[in-house]
Amino acid sequence: MCAAPRGCRPVSCGWYGDVMKVHIVIDPETCVGIGKCEEIAEEAVELGDDGVSHVTGVAVDEDVARNLCESCPTGAISIVED
């Protein structure tokens, strides 16, 4: 299990070589579409036509995922099982 920063609810993580990669999810009911997450990890997050952020399915470095969780003002982003 990963140690989660405030606002993140991890399930588990996987190691890929020397870098831990994880997937994130975004709760569409909590997201308000500010887009900070897309600025941090445009390969993993995109702002949808519906005005909220969506994951692309790309695994990101654990540090990036933690940054995403900590930067989300509504707490809509979580780290999930890889």
N, C-alpha and C. Protein backbone atom coordinates (compact mmCIF):
# COMPACT_ATOMS: atom_id res chain seq x y z
N MET A 1 0.84 -1.19 0.00
CA MET A 1 0.00 0.00 0.00
C MET A 1 0.87 1.24 0.00
N CYS A 2 0.42 2.27 -0.67
CA CYS A 2 1.13 3.55 -0.68
C CYS A 2 0.66 4.38 0.51
N ALA A 3 1.57 5.15 1.05
CA ALA A 3 1.17 6.12 2.06
C ALA A 3 0.52 7.28 1.32
N ALA A 4 -0.67 7.64 1.71
CA ALA A 4 -1.43 8.64 0.97
C ALA A 4 -1.33 10.02 1.60
N PRO A 5 -1.11 11.03 0.77
CA PRO A 5 -1.20 12.39 1.28
C PRO A 5 -2.66 12.74 1.52
N ARG A 6 -2.89 13.84 2.18
CA ARG A 6 -4.24 14.30 2.46
C ARG A 6 -5.06 14.31 1.16
N GLY A 7 -6.24 13.74 1.19
CA GLY A 7 -7.13 13.76 0.05
C GLY A 7 -7.00 12.58 -0.89
N CYS A 8 -5.97 11.76 -0.74
CA CYS A 8 -5.79 10.61 -1.63
C CYS A 8 -6.20 9.34 -0.90
N ARG A 9 -6.84 8.46 -1.63
CA ARG A 9 -7.28 7.19 -1.07
C ARG A 9 -6.71 6.05 -1.91
N PRO A 10 -5.47 5.63 -1.63
CA PRO A 10 -4.85 4.60 -2.47
C PRO A 10 -5.38 3.21 -2.17
N VAL A 11 -5.32 2.34 -3.16
CA VAL A 11 -5.64 0.94 -2.97
C VAL A 11 -4.35 0.15 -2.98
N SER A 12 -3.59 0.22 -4.03
CA SER A 12 -2.27 -0.39 -4.08
C SER A 12 -1.48 0.20 -5.22
N CYS A 13 -0.20 -0.10 -5.24
CA CYS A 13 0.69 0.47 -6.26
C CYS A 13 1.57 -0.62 -6.83
N GLY A 14 2.14 -0.38 -8.01
CA GLY A 14 3.03 -1.34 -8.63
C GLY A 14 4.34 -0.70 -9.03
N TRP A 15 5.42 -1.46 -8.90
CA TRP A 15 6.74 -0.97 -9.28
C TRP A 15 7.03 -1.35 -10.71
N TYR A 16 7.57 -0.44 -11.47
CA TYR A 16 8.00 -0.67 -12.84
C TYR A 16 9.45 -0.23 -12.92
N GLY A 17 10.37 -1.19 -12.89
CA GLY A 17 11.79 -0.84 -12.86
C GLY A 17 12.09 -0.15 -11.54
N ASP A 18 12.73 1.00 -11.62
CA ASP A 18 13.08 1.75 -10.42
C ASP A 18 12.03 2.80 -10.05
N VAL A 19 10.99 2.92 -10.87
CA VAL A 19 9.99 3.96 -10.65
C VAL A 19 8.65 3.32 -10.36
N MET A 20 8.00 3.76 -9.29
CA MET A 20 6.67 3.26 -8.98
C MET A 20 5.66 3.99 -9.85
N LYS A 21 4.85 3.24 -10.59
CA LYS A 21 3.80 3.80 -11.43
C LYS A 21 2.46 3.45 -10.82
N VAL A 22 1.53 4.39 -10.88
CA VAL A 22 0.19 4.18 -10.35
C VAL A 22 -0.82 4.77 -11.32
N HIS A 23 -2.06 4.37 -11.16
CA HIS A 23 -3.15 4.96 -11.91
C HIS A 23 -3.96 5.84 -10.97
N ILE A 24 -4.62 6.80 -11.54
CA ILE A 24 -5.49 7.68 -10.76
C ILE A 24 -6.91 7.55 -11.28
N VAL A 25 -7.86 7.95 -10.45
CA VAL A 25 -9.25 8.10 -10.88
C VAL A 25 -9.71 9.48 -10.45
N ILE A 26 -10.67 10.00 -11.17
CA ILE A 26 -11.25 11.30 -10.84
C ILE A 26 -12.74 11.11 -10.63
N ASP A 27 -13.24 11.53 -9.49
CA ASP A 27 -14.66 11.45 -9.18
C ASP A 27 -15.38 12.58 -9.92
N PRO A 28 -16.20 12.24 -10.94
CA PRO A 28 -16.85 13.29 -11.74
C PRO A 28 -17.89 14.08 -10.94
N GLU A 29 -18.37 13.52 -9.84
CA GLU A 29 -19.34 14.24 -9.01
C GLU A 29 -18.66 15.29 -8.14
N THR A 30 -17.36 15.11 -7.90
CA THR A 30 -16.61 16.03 -7.05
C THR A 30 -15.82 17.05 -7.86
N CYS A 31 -15.38 16.66 -9.05
CA CYS A 31 -14.57 17.53 -9.91
C CYS A 31 -15.40 18.72 -10.38
N VAL A 32 -14.77 19.90 -10.36
CA VAL A 32 -15.43 21.11 -10.86
C VAL A 32 -14.73 21.67 -12.10
N GLY A 33 -13.76 20.93 -12.64
CA GLY A 33 -13.14 21.29 -13.91
C GLY A 33 -12.19 22.47 -13.89
N ILE A 34 -11.51 22.69 -12.80
CA ILE A 34 -10.55 23.80 -12.72
C ILE A 34 -9.39 23.57 -13.69
N GLY A 35 -8.95 22.32 -13.84
CA GLY A 35 -7.92 21.98 -14.81
C GLY A 35 -6.49 21.97 -14.30
N LYS A 36 -6.30 22.16 -13.00
CA LYS A 36 -4.96 22.13 -12.43
C LYS A 36 -4.31 20.77 -12.69
N CYS A 37 -5.06 19.71 -12.63
CA CYS A 37 -4.53 18.36 -12.85
C CYS A 37 -4.01 18.20 -14.28
N GLU A 38 -4.70 18.79 -15.22
CA GLU A 38 -4.26 18.71 -16.61
C GLU A 38 -2.94 19.46 -16.81
N GLU A 39 -2.76 20.55 -16.08
CA GLU A 39 -1.49 21.28 -16.14
C GLU A 39 -0.35 20.43 -15.60
N ILE A 40 -0.62 19.65 -14.55
CA ILE A 40 0.41 18.84 -13.90
C ILE A 40 0.76 17.61 -14.71
N ALA A 41 -0.26 16.94 -15.26
CA ALA A 41 -0.03 15.67 -15.96
C ALA A 41 -0.94 15.55 -17.17
N GLU A 42 -0.62 16.32 -18.21
CA GLU A 42 -1.47 16.34 -19.40
C GLU A 42 -1.53 14.99 -20.10
N GLU A 43 -0.53 14.12 -19.87
CA GLU A 43 -0.57 12.78 -20.47
C GLU A 43 -1.57 11.87 -19.77
N ALA A 44 -1.96 12.23 -18.54
CA ALA A 44 -2.83 11.36 -17.75
C ALA A 44 -4.23 11.92 -17.55
N VAL A 45 -4.39 13.22 -17.77
CA VAL A 45 -5.66 13.88 -17.48
C VAL A 45 -6.03 14.82 -18.62
N GLU A 46 -7.32 14.84 -18.95
CA GLU A 46 -7.79 15.81 -19.95
C GLU A 46 -9.14 16.36 -19.51
N LEU A 47 -9.37 17.61 -19.84
CA LEU A 47 -10.63 18.25 -19.53
C LEU A 47 -11.64 17.86 -20.61
N GLY A 48 -12.75 17.29 -20.18
CA GLY A 48 -13.75 16.81 -21.13
C GLY A 48 -14.72 17.89 -21.58
N ASP A 49 -15.48 17.58 -22.61
CA ASP A 49 -16.50 18.50 -23.12
C ASP A 49 -17.58 18.77 -22.07
N ASP A 50 -17.68 17.87 -21.09
CA ASP A 50 -18.68 18.02 -20.04
C ASP A 50 -18.21 18.97 -18.93
N GLY A 51 -16.99 19.52 -19.07
CA GLY A 51 -16.50 20.49 -18.11
C GLY A 51 -15.79 19.92 -16.90
N VAL A 52 -15.58 18.60 -16.86
CA VAL A 52 -14.84 17.99 -15.76
C VAL A 52 -13.65 17.22 -16.32
N SER A 53 -12.68 16.97 -15.46
CA SER A 53 -11.47 16.26 -15.87
C SER A 53 -11.70 14.77 -15.91
N HIS A 54 -11.02 14.10 -16.84
CA HIS A 54 -11.11 12.65 -17.02
C HIS A 54 -9.70 12.09 -17.17
N VAL A 55 -9.50 10.87 -16.68
CA VAL A 55 -8.19 10.23 -16.84
C VAL A 55 -8.09 9.63 -18.24
N THR A 56 -6.86 9.57 -18.75
CA THR A 56 -6.62 8.98 -20.07
C THR A 56 -6.29 7.49 -19.95
N GLY A 57 -6.01 7.03 -18.72
CA GLY A 57 -5.66 5.63 -18.51
C GLY A 57 -4.16 5.39 -18.43
N VAL A 58 -3.37 6.43 -18.62
CA VAL A 58 -1.92 6.31 -18.56
C VAL A 58 -1.47 6.26 -17.10
N ALA A 59 -0.61 5.30 -16.76
CA ALA A 59 -0.03 5.24 -15.42
C ALA A 59 1.00 6.36 -15.28
N VAL A 60 1.08 6.95 -14.10
CA VAL A 60 2.02 8.04 -13.84
C VAL A 60 2.93 7.67 -12.67
N ASP A 61 4.05 8.36 -12.58
CA ASP A 61 4.93 8.17 -11.43
C ASP A 61 4.16 8.47 -10.15
N GLU A 62 4.51 7.74 -9.11
CA GLU A 62 3.82 7.93 -7.83
C GLU A 62 3.90 9.38 -7.37
N ASP A 63 5.05 10.02 -7.53
CA ASP A 63 5.19 11.41 -7.11
C ASP A 63 4.24 12.33 -7.86
N VAL A 64 4.05 12.07 -9.14
CA VAL A 64 3.12 12.87 -9.94
C VAL A 64 1.69 12.64 -9.43
N ALA A 65 1.34 11.40 -9.16
CA ALA A 65 0.00 11.09 -8.66
C ALA A 65 -0.26 11.77 -7.32
N ARG A 66 0.72 11.74 -6.45
CA ARG A 66 0.57 12.40 -5.15
C ARG A 66 0.39 13.91 -5.34
N ASN A 67 1.16 14.49 -6.26
CA ASN A 67 1.03 15.91 -6.56
C ASN A 67 -0.37 16.22 -7.08
N LEU A 68 -0.89 15.36 -7.95
CA LEU A 68 -2.25 15.54 -8.46
C LEU A 68 -3.26 15.54 -7.33
N CYS A 69 -3.15 14.56 -6.44
CA CYS A 69 -4.07 14.46 -5.30
C CYS A 69 -4.00 15.71 -4.42
N GLU A 70 -2.80 16.12 -4.11
CA GLU A 70 -2.61 17.27 -3.22
C GLU A 70 -3.06 18.58 -3.88
N SER A 71 -2.95 18.67 -5.19
CA SER A 71 -3.27 19.91 -5.90
C SER A 71 -4.74 20.08 -6.22
N CYS A 72 -5.50 19.00 -6.16
CA CYS A 72 -6.93 19.09 -6.49
C CYS A 72 -7.68 19.80 -5.36
N PRO A 73 -8.26 20.96 -5.66
CA PRO A 73 -8.94 21.72 -4.60
C PRO A 73 -10.19 21.05 -4.06
N THR A 74 -10.77 20.14 -4.82
CA THR A 74 -11.99 19.47 -4.35
C THR A 74 -11.75 18.06 -3.85
N GLY A 75 -10.51 17.56 -3.96
CA GLY A 75 -10.21 16.20 -3.51
C GLY A 75 -10.81 15.13 -4.40
N ALA A 76 -11.00 15.43 -5.68
CA ALA A 76 -11.65 14.50 -6.60
C ALA A 76 -10.73 13.41 -7.12
N ILE A 77 -9.42 13.53 -6.90
CA ILE A 77 -8.46 12.59 -7.47
C ILE A 77 -7.99 11.58 -6.42
N SER A 78 -7.96 10.32 -6.82
CA SER A 78 -7.49 9.25 -5.94
C SER A 78 -6.50 8.37 -6.69
N ILE A 79 -5.58 7.76 -5.95
CA ILE A 79 -4.66 6.77 -6.49
C ILE A 79 -5.32 5.41 -6.32
N VAL A 80 -5.32 4.61 -7.39
CA VAL A 80 -5.99 3.32 -7.34
C VAL A 80 -5.08 2.16 -7.71
N GLU A 81 -5.60 0.97 -7.56
CA GLU A 81 -4.86 -0.24 -7.89
C GLU A 81 -4.41 -0.20 -9.33
N ASP A 82 -3.15 -0.61 -9.53
CA ASP A 82 -2.59 -0.63 -10.88
C ASP A 82 -2.86 -1.95 -11.53
